[in-house]
Structure formats: structure tokens, C-alpha cells
């Protein structure tokens, strides 16, 4: 099953183009495929005019610390919604499938009221930081003790001007540097580079929806 279309999204308050494809039934492969597309979106959208304009706005109004300034910008601008809510407009076509929603950073930058879950925060922030010359990588963690082997959350780890790693979890973290690993609930961790070799090609989405594993679970 692979189809696309346009639908009015009541929560986003606008028409959205969407594409839906099935992915692997293996949970780890699903996560790898989803993260691969996130990586592609970050690389491609960091040079998009909408992201460059927003990155410049962050710099012009910031403190000089791009990681902290971008963290608070993203946290204030992007609203958190679980995928079951974001996927509601096409839910009649999906039967009982688990849904992962991916909205490109460049599309989030142009929305009046952008909404996403953790994967959106983990794409949007690094795209803005990449536009400012700050390198990041993605990190998935198993943070739900009810399912200790399943990756349930994704966020970024960025490198500051001193070469130090700074966790960038604007969806769940109360401040820059907050790291889910320190909660005592994380049972599994995997890092995914943004630069360097990819994770394989994935067919998916122009602006909205993807069938995949469920990220952004309980912390």
C-alpha cells in the first residue's frame, strides 16, 4: 500500500499533502527507516529559505549560544501532539495500523501553528542548528520500562563550540542539556549520525504521514 493525497487537517488549520507507505514489520528496522528519513529531511531542509530565515531570526534575537537559543525557540514555537491525533484526518484509510507522522522541518517553519511529536522536534531543531553551523546527531532510547527493548523516544545530541556534547530534547526536556538517559528509565540507547553514510533508502512522504514504529512514548 502506497498512496498520497491532500486533506484538510483541523488541528493544523490548513490543507496538507500526505504520502503513506508501509514499512518493515520488524520494530528495529522500522525505527531505522524512520530515522533515515528524518536525517534526510534535516540535511535537505537546513538550506531551505524558510529554515535559513528562521535560523537568522534566532541568531539576531539570541544570546550567542545557538544550542540554547534554538532549544527555547523550538520549545516555544512547536506544539506537542501525539501521532494518533495528527493522523486523525486519514485514520479511516489506515485500518488499525500504527502510524508515525513526519512533517518536514521546512514545512513546520512555514506553518502558523505547527504541531508534532518527538520526531518532529528532533528534526526541526537540528535543521535550524545545521543552518547555524552546529553539528548534531540523533539518539533513540528505550525509555518505557513496560517495553524495555523497544525504542520509544528520539532526540538530538549536538556539539557546542567547545566540542562538548549537549542533549537537545525540546519535546520532553525542561532545559538544554537535559538527557533522558539520566532519568533511570532508559534501558537501551542508539546514536545515528546525520552526516556520513546513510541508513538505506526509504520511500516516504512529502509533507505529512508515514506508517512506522511508534516513537515518542513514555519517559
C-alpha atoms as a PDB file:
ATOM      1  CA  UNK A   1       0.000   0.000   0.000  1.00  0.00           C
ATOM      2  CA  UNK A   2       1.436   3.345  -1.051  1.00  0.00           C
ATOM      3  CA  UNK A   3      -0.779   6.321  -1.699  1.00  0.00           C
ATOM      4  CA  UNK A   4      -0.861  10.080  -1.374  1.00  0.00           C
ATOM      5  CA  UNK A   5      -3.328  12.929  -1.441  1.00  0.00           C
ATOM      6  CA  UNK A   6      -4.379  16.210   0.095  1.00  0.00           C
ATOM      7  CA  UNK A   7      -6.583  16.596   3.136  1.00  0.00           C
ATOM      8  CA  UNK A   8      -7.736  19.391   5.426  1.00  0.00           C
ATOM      9  CA  UNK A   9      -6.137  18.992   8.848  1.00  0.00           C
ATOM     10  CA  UNK A  10      -8.333  20.618  11.527  1.00  0.00           C
ATOM     11  CA  UNK A  11      -5.616  20.811  14.190  1.00  0.00           C
ATOM     12  CA  UNK A  12      -3.078  22.351  11.847  1.00  0.00           C
ATOM     13  CA  UNK A  13      -5.781  24.549  10.364  1.00  0.00           C
ATOM     14  CA  UNK A  14      -4.732  24.016   6.748  1.00  0.00           C
ATOM     15  CA  UNK A  15      -4.616  21.628   3.804  1.00  0.00           C
ATOM     16  CA  UNK A  16      -1.692  19.201   3.917  1.00  0.00           C
ATOM     17  CA  UNK A  17      -0.218  16.968   1.249  1.00  0.00           C
ATOM     18  CA  UNK A  18       0.481  13.486   2.544  1.00  0.00           C
ATOM     19  CA  UNK A  19       2.020  10.220   1.438  1.00  0.00           C
ATOM     20  CA  UNK A  20       1.578   6.880   3.200  1.00  0.00           C
ATOM     21  CA  UNK A  21       3.750   3.798   2.778  1.00  0.00           C
ATOM     22  CA  UNK A  22       4.091   0.537   4.734  1.00  0.00           C
ATOM     23  CA  UNK A  23       7.429  -0.227   6.351  1.00  0.00           C
ATOM     24  CA  UNK A  24       9.068  -3.299   7.798  1.00  0.00           C
ATOM     25  CA  UNK A  25       7.236  -5.295  10.435  1.00  0.00           C
ATOM     26  CA  UNK A  26      10.473  -5.548  12.442  1.00  0.00           C
ATOM     27  CA  UNK A  27      10.463  -2.785  15.124  1.00  0.00           C
ATOM     28  CA  UNK A  28      14.195  -2.006  14.888  1.00  0.00           C
ATOM     29  CA  UNK A  29      14.052  -1.825  11.095  1.00  0.00           C
ATOM     30  CA  UNK A  30      11.021   0.457  11.321  1.00  0.00           C
ATOM     31  CA  UNK A  31      12.939   2.815  13.598  1.00  0.00           C
ATOM     32  CA  UNK A  32      15.979   2.749  11.306  1.00  0.00           C
ATOM     33  CA  UNK A  33      13.785   3.603   8.318  1.00  0.00           C
ATOM     34  CA  UNK A  34      12.078   6.425  10.166  1.00  0.00           C
ATOM     35  CA  UNK A  35      15.349   7.886  11.456  1.00  0.00           C
ATOM     36  CA  UNK A  36      16.820   7.643   7.961  1.00  0.00           C
ATOM     37  CA  UNK A  37      14.058   9.861   6.593  1.00  0.00           C
ATOM     38  CA  UNK A  38      14.452  12.282   9.499  1.00  0.00           C
ATOM     39  CA  UNK A  39      18.156  12.512   8.661  1.00  0.00           C
ATOM     40  CA  UNK A  40      17.376  13.207   5.001  1.00  0.00           C
ATOM     41  CA  UNK A  41      14.891  15.928   5.962  1.00  0.00           C
ATOM     42  CA  UNK A  42      17.436  17.613   8.241  1.00  0.00           C
ATOM     43  CA  UNK A  43      20.158  17.622   5.590  1.00  0.00           C
ATOM     44  CA  UNK A  44      17.886  18.770   2.774  1.00  0.00           C
ATOM     45  CA  UNK A  45      15.884  21.357   4.714  1.00  0.00           C
ATOM     46  CA  UNK A  46      18.784  23.057   6.527  1.00  0.00           C
ATOM     47  CA  UNK A  47      19.439  25.033   3.337  1.00  0.00           C
ATOM     48  CA  UNK A  48      15.779  25.817   2.607  1.00  0.00           C
ATOM     49  CA  UNK A  49      14.941  29.559   2.648  1.00  0.00           C
ATOM     50  CA  UNK A  50      12.311  29.110   5.385  1.00  0.00           C
ATOM     51  CA  UNK A  51      14.797  27.400   7.704  1.00  0.00           C
ATOM     52  CA  UNK A  52      17.598  29.840   6.874  1.00  0.00           C
ATOM     53  CA  UNK A  53      15.295  32.771   7.616  1.00  0.00           C
ATOM     54  CA  UNK A  54      14.244  31.288  10.952  1.00  0.00           C
ATOM     55  CA  UNK A  55      17.832  30.428  11.893  1.00  0.00           C
ATOM     56  CA  UNK A  56      18.845  34.016  11.202  1.00  0.00           C
ATOM     57  CA  UNK A  57      15.976  35.234  13.382  1.00  0.00           C
ATOM     58  CA  UNK A  58      17.226  33.025  16.228  1.00  0.00           C
ATOM     59  CA  UNK A  59      20.730  34.449  15.879  1.00  0.00           C
ATOM     60  CA  UNK A  60      19.530  38.046  15.665  1.00  0.00           C
ATOM     61  CA  UNK A  61      17.467  37.725  18.836  1.00  0.00           C
ATOM     62  CA  UNK A  62      19.608  35.240  20.744  1.00  0.00           C
ATOM     63  CA  UNK A  63      22.242  35.247  23.440  1.00  0.00           C
ATOM     64  CA  UNK A  64      25.057  33.939  21.266  1.00  0.00           C
ATOM     65  CA  UNK A  65      24.563  30.335  22.383  1.00  0.00           C
ATOM     66  CA  UNK A  66      22.929  28.719  19.325  1.00  0.00           C
ATOM     67  CA  UNK A  67      22.045  25.443  21.050  1.00  0.00           C
ATOM     68  CA  UNK A  68      20.280  27.117  23.971  1.00  0.00           C
ATOM     69  CA  UNK A  69      18.675  29.802  21.793  1.00  0.00           C
ATOM     70  CA  UNK A  70      17.385  27.241  19.291  1.00  0.00           C
ATOM     71  CA  UNK A  71      16.144  24.954  22.073  1.00  0.00           C
ATOM     72  CA  UNK A  72      13.932  27.658  23.582  1.00  0.00           C
ATOM     73  CA  UNK A  73      12.789  28.851  20.153  1.00  0.00           C
ATOM     74  CA  UNK A  74      11.678  25.354  19.127  1.00  0.00           C
ATOM     75  CA  UNK A  75      10.105  24.626  22.503  1.00  0.00           C
ATOM     76  CA  UNK A  76       8.050  27.820  22.325  1.00  0.00           C
ATOM     77  CA  UNK A  77       7.083  27.597  18.674  1.00  0.00           C
ATOM     78  CA  UNK A  78       6.312  23.904  18.186  1.00  0.00           C
ATOM     79  CA  UNK A  79       3.301  22.371  19.909  1.00  0.00           C
ATOM     80  CA  UNK A  80       3.378  18.733  21.027  1.00  0.00           C
ATOM     81  CA  UNK A  81       0.789  16.301  19.663  1.00  0.00           C
ATOM     82  CA  UNK A  82       0.855  12.519  19.613  1.00  0.00           C
ATOM     83  CA  UNK A  83       0.672  10.846  16.216  1.00  0.00           C
ATOM     84  CA  UNK A  84      -2.752   9.341  16.844  1.00  0.00           C
ATOM     85  CA  UNK A  85      -4.098  12.888  16.904  1.00  0.00           C
ATOM     86  CA  UNK A  86      -2.048  14.177  13.954  1.00  0.00           C
ATOM     87  CA  UNK A  87      -3.035  11.182  11.811  1.00  0.00           C
ATOM     88  CA  UNK A  88      -6.744  11.546  12.503  1.00  0.00           C
ATOM     89  CA  UNK A  89      -7.699  13.061   9.094  1.00  0.00           C
ATOM     90  CA  UNK A  90      -6.589   9.903   7.266  1.00  0.00           C
ATOM     91  CA  UNK A  91      -7.415   7.427  10.013  1.00  0.00           C
ATOM     92  CA  UNK A  92     -10.359   5.953   8.011  1.00  0.00           C
ATOM     93  CA  UNK A  93      -7.866   4.688   5.411  1.00  0.00           C
ATOM     94  CA  UNK A  94      -5.440   3.089   7.858  1.00  0.00           C
ATOM     95  CA  UNK A  95      -7.451   0.289   9.465  1.00  0.00           C
ATOM     96  CA  UNK A  96      -5.683  -0.496  12.757  1.00  0.00           C
ATOM     97  CA  UNK A  97      -2.149   0.311  11.605  1.00  0.00           C
ATOM     98  CA  UNK A  98       0.285   2.058  13.909  1.00  0.00           C
ATOM     99  CA  UNK A  99       1.052   5.483  12.465  1.00  0.00           C
ATOM    100  CA  UNK A 100       4.180   7.613  12.578  1.00  0.00           C
ATOM    101  CA  UNK A 101       3.735  11.195  11.418  1.00  0.00           C
ATOM    102  CA  UNK A 102       6.689  13.039   9.918  1.00  0.00           C
ATOM    103  CA  UNK A 103       6.386  16.693   8.955  1.00  0.00           C
ATOM    104  CA  UNK A 104       9.424  18.201   7.252  1.00  0.00           C
ATOM    105  CA  UNK A 105      11.303  20.970   9.114  1.00  0.00           C
ATOM    106  CA  UNK A 106      10.789  23.374   6.201  1.00  0.00           C
ATOM    107  CA  UNK A 107       7.036  22.767   6.370  1.00  0.00           C
ATOM    108  CA  UNK A 108       6.947  23.265  10.135  1.00  0.00           C
ATOM    109  CA  UNK A 109       8.796  26.568   9.640  1.00  0.00           C
ATOM    110  CA  UNK A 110       6.036  27.789   7.334  1.00  0.00           C
ATOM    111  CA  UNK A 111       3.051  26.714   9.436  1.00  0.00           C
ATOM    112  CA  UNK A 112       1.110  29.184  11.521  1.00  0.00           C
ATOM    113  CA  UNK A 113       0.585  26.667  14.334  1.00  0.00           C
ATOM    114  CA  UNK A 114       2.996  23.747  13.849  1.00  0.00           C
ATOM    115  CA  UNK A 115       2.356  20.544  15.799  1.00  0.00           C
ATOM    116  CA  UNK A 116       4.494  17.404  16.034  1.00  0.00           C
ATOM    117  CA  UNK A 117       5.687  14.737  18.437  1.00  0.00           C
ATOM    118  CA  UNK A 118       9.275  13.949  19.415  1.00  0.00           C
ATOM    119  CA  UNK A 119      10.478  13.075  15.925  1.00  0.00           C
ATOM    120  CA  UNK A 120       9.313  16.460  14.654  1.00  0.00           C
ATOM    121  CA  UNK A 121      11.174  18.272  17.442  1.00  0.00           C
ATOM    122  CA  UNK A 122      14.220  16.072  16.711  1.00  0.00           C
ATOM    123  CA  UNK A 123      14.169  17.086  13.028  1.00  0.00           C
ATOM    124  CA  UNK A 124      13.187  20.746  13.310  1.00  0.00           C
ATOM    125  CA  UNK A 125      15.789  21.712  15.932  1.00  0.00           C
ATOM    126  CA  UNK A 126      18.778  20.045  14.220  1.00  0.00           C
ATOM    127  CA  UNK A 127      17.776  21.544  10.845  1.00  0.00           C
ATOM    128  CA  UNK A 128      17.824  25.020  12.417  1.00  0.00           C
ATOM    129  CA  UNK A 129      21.128  24.250  14.158  1.00  0.00           C
ATOM    130  CA  UNK A 130      22.686  22.842  10.996  1.00  0.00           C
ATOM    131  CA  UNK A 131      21.764  26.111   9.281  1.00  0.00           C
ATOM    132  CA  UNK A 132      23.809  27.844  12.011  1.00  0.00           C
ATOM    133  CA  UNK A 133      26.794  25.522  11.594  1.00  0.00           C
ATOM    134  CA  UNK A 134      26.141  23.405  14.707  1.00  0.00           C
ATOM    135  CA  UNK A 135      26.624  19.635  14.170  1.00  0.00           C
ATOM    136  CA  UNK A 136      24.133  17.214  15.683  1.00  0.00           C
ATOM    137  CA  UNK A 137      23.338  13.523  15.643  1.00  0.00           C
ATOM    138  CA  UNK A 138      20.132  11.706  16.510  1.00  0.00           C
ATOM    139  CA  UNK A 139      19.668   9.432  19.502  1.00  0.00           C
ATOM    140  CA  UNK A 140      16.940   6.860  20.120  1.00  0.00           C
ATOM    141  CA  UNK A 141      16.299   5.422  23.556  1.00  0.00           C
ATOM    142  CA  UNK A 142      14.120   2.731  25.057  1.00  0.00           C
ATOM    143  CA  UNK A 143      12.546   4.730  27.876  1.00  0.00           C
ATOM    144  CA  UNK A 144       9.361   2.794  28.629  1.00  0.00           C
ATOM    145  CA  UNK A 145      10.018   0.218  31.331  1.00  0.00           C
ATOM    146  CA  UNK A 146       6.928  -1.706  30.210  1.00  0.00           C
ATOM    147  CA  UNK A 147       8.709  -2.394  26.896  1.00  0.00           C
ATOM    148  CA  UNK A 148      12.422  -2.221  27.737  1.00  0.00           C
ATOM    149  CA  UNK A 149      13.621  -3.428  24.338  1.00  0.00           C
ATOM    150  CA  UNK A 150      11.622  -1.003  22.200  1.00  0.00           C
ATOM    151  CA  UNK A 151      12.933   2.388  21.147  1.00  0.00           C
ATOM    152  CA  UNK A 152      10.258   4.791  22.363  1.00  0.00           C
ATOM    153  CA  UNK A 153      11.831   8.249  22.108  1.00  0.00           C
ATOM    154  CA  UNK A 154      14.137  10.188  19.782  1.00  0.00           C
ATOM    155  CA  UNK A 155      16.018  13.448  20.257  1.00  0.00           C
ATOM    156  CA  UNK A 156      19.263  15.110  19.184  1.00  0.00           C
ATOM    157  CA  UNK A 157      22.718  15.373  20.703  1.00  0.00           C
ATOM    158  CA  UNK A 158      24.583  18.457  19.470  1.00  0.00           C
ATOM    159  CA  UNK A 159      28.161  19.656  19.760  1.00  0.00           C
ATOM    160  CA  UNK A 160      28.824  23.056  21.281  1.00  0.00           C
ATOM    161  CA  UNK A 161      31.655  25.432  20.375  1.00  0.00           C
ATOM    162  CA  UNK A 162      33.966  23.651  22.859  1.00  0.00           C
ATOM    163  CA  UNK A 163      33.339  20.280  21.267  1.00  0.00           C
ATOM    164  CA  UNK A 164      31.163  19.108  24.179  1.00  0.00           C
ATOM    165  CA  UNK A 165      28.005  17.068  23.646  1.00  0.00           C
ATOM    166  CA  UNK A 166      24.738  18.749  24.636  1.00  0.00           C
ATOM    167  CA  UNK A 167      21.469  16.787  24.616  1.00  0.00           C
ATOM    168  CA  UNK A 168      18.778  18.632  22.661  1.00  0.00           C
ATOM    169  CA  UNK A 169      15.375  17.252  23.670  1.00  0.00           C
ATOM    170  CA  UNK A 170      12.961  20.130  23.133  1.00  0.00           C
ATOM    171  CA  UNK A 171       9.903  17.837  23.186  1.00  0.00           C
ATOM    172  CA  UNK A 172      10.452  16.423  26.698  1.00  0.00           C
ATOM    173  CA  UNK A 173      13.425  18.222  28.229  1.00  0.00           C
ATOM    174  CA  UNK A 174      12.831  21.170  30.583  1.00  0.00           C
ATOM    175  CA  UNK A 175      16.148  22.805  29.593  1.00  0.00           C
ATOM    176  CA  UNK A 176      19.037  22.406  27.100  1.00  0.00           C
ATOM    177  CA  UNK A 177      21.266  19.510  28.101  1.00  0.00           C
ATOM    178  CA  UNK A 178      18.510  17.542  29.818  1.00  0.00           C
ATOM    179  CA  UNK A 179      19.031  13.919  28.787  1.00  0.00           C
ATOM    180  CA  UNK A 180      16.517  11.074  29.119  1.00  0.00           C
ATOM    181  CA  UNK A 181      19.433   8.750  29.842  1.00  0.00           C
ATOM    182  CA  UNK A 182      19.732  10.336  33.285  1.00  0.00           C
ATOM    183  CA  UNK A 183      16.137   9.526  34.292  1.00  0.00           C
ATOM    184  CA  UNK A 184      16.972   5.941  35.227  1.00  0.00           C
ATOM    185  CA  UNK A 185      14.290   4.643  32.838  1.00  0.00           C
ATOM    186  CA  UNK A 186      16.430   4.132  29.752  1.00  0.00           C
ATOM    187  CA  UNK A 187      17.335   0.521  29.022  1.00  0.00           C
ATOM    188  CA  UNK A 188      18.726   0.858  25.503  1.00  0.00           C
ATOM    189  CA  UNK A 189      20.458   3.631  23.505  1.00  0.00           C
ATOM    190  CA  UNK A 190      21.472   4.021  19.864  1.00  0.00           C
ATOM    191  CA  UNK A 191      23.041   7.027  18.155  1.00  0.00           C
ATOM    192  CA  UNK A 192      22.520   7.822  14.481  1.00  0.00           C
ATOM    193  CA  UNK A 193      24.882  10.189  12.607  1.00  0.00           C
ATOM    194  CA  UNK A 194      23.342  12.876  10.445  1.00  0.00           C
ATOM    195  CA  UNK A 195      26.485  13.385   8.379  1.00  0.00           C
ATOM    196  CA  UNK A 196      28.224  10.427   6.829  1.00  0.00           C
ATOM    197  CA  UNK A 197      26.805   7.193   5.370  1.00  0.00           C
ATOM    198  CA  UNK A 198      23.006   6.910   5.327  1.00  0.00           C
ATOM    199  CA  UNK A 199      20.881   4.068   6.610  1.00  0.00           C
ATOM    200  CA  UNK A 200      19.436   2.998   3.272  1.00  0.00           C
ATOM    201  CA  UNK A 201      16.774   4.460   1.056  1.00  0.00           C
ATOM    202  CA  UNK A 202      13.213   4.714   2.302  1.00  0.00           C
ATOM    203  CA  UNK A 203      10.185   5.652   0.240  1.00  0.00           C
ATOM    204  CA  UNK A 204       8.003   8.050   2.165  1.00  0.00           C
ATOM    205  CA  UNK A 205       6.448  11.397   2.446  1.00  0.00           C
ATOM    206  CA  UNK A 206       6.420  14.879   1.047  1.00  0.00           C
ATOM    207  CA  UNK A 207       4.831  16.667   3.946  1.00  0.00           C
ATOM    208  CA  UNK A 208       2.910  14.574   6.355  1.00  0.00           C
ATOM    209  CA  UNK A 209       2.363  10.921   7.218  1.00  0.00           C
ATOM    210  CA  UNK A 210       4.264   7.649   7.483  1.00  0.00           C
ATOM    211  CA  UNK A 211       3.377   4.198   8.717  1.00  0.00           C
ATOM    212  CA  UNK A 212       6.152   3.051  11.027  1.00  0.00           C
ATOM    213  CA  UNK A 213       7.079   2.171  14.575  1.00  0.00           C
ATOM    214  CA  UNK A 214       5.782   4.340  17.374  1.00  0.00           C
ATOM    215  CA  UNK A 215       8.404   6.715  18.679  1.00  0.00           C
ATOM    216  CA  UNK A 216       7.843   9.243  21.425  1.00  0.00           C
ATOM    217  CA  UNK A 217       6.417   7.011  24.122  1.00  0.00           C
ATOM    218  CA  UNK A 218       6.529   7.352  27.872  1.00  0.00           C
ATOM    219  CA  UNK A 219       9.505   8.919  29.646  1.00  0.00           C
END
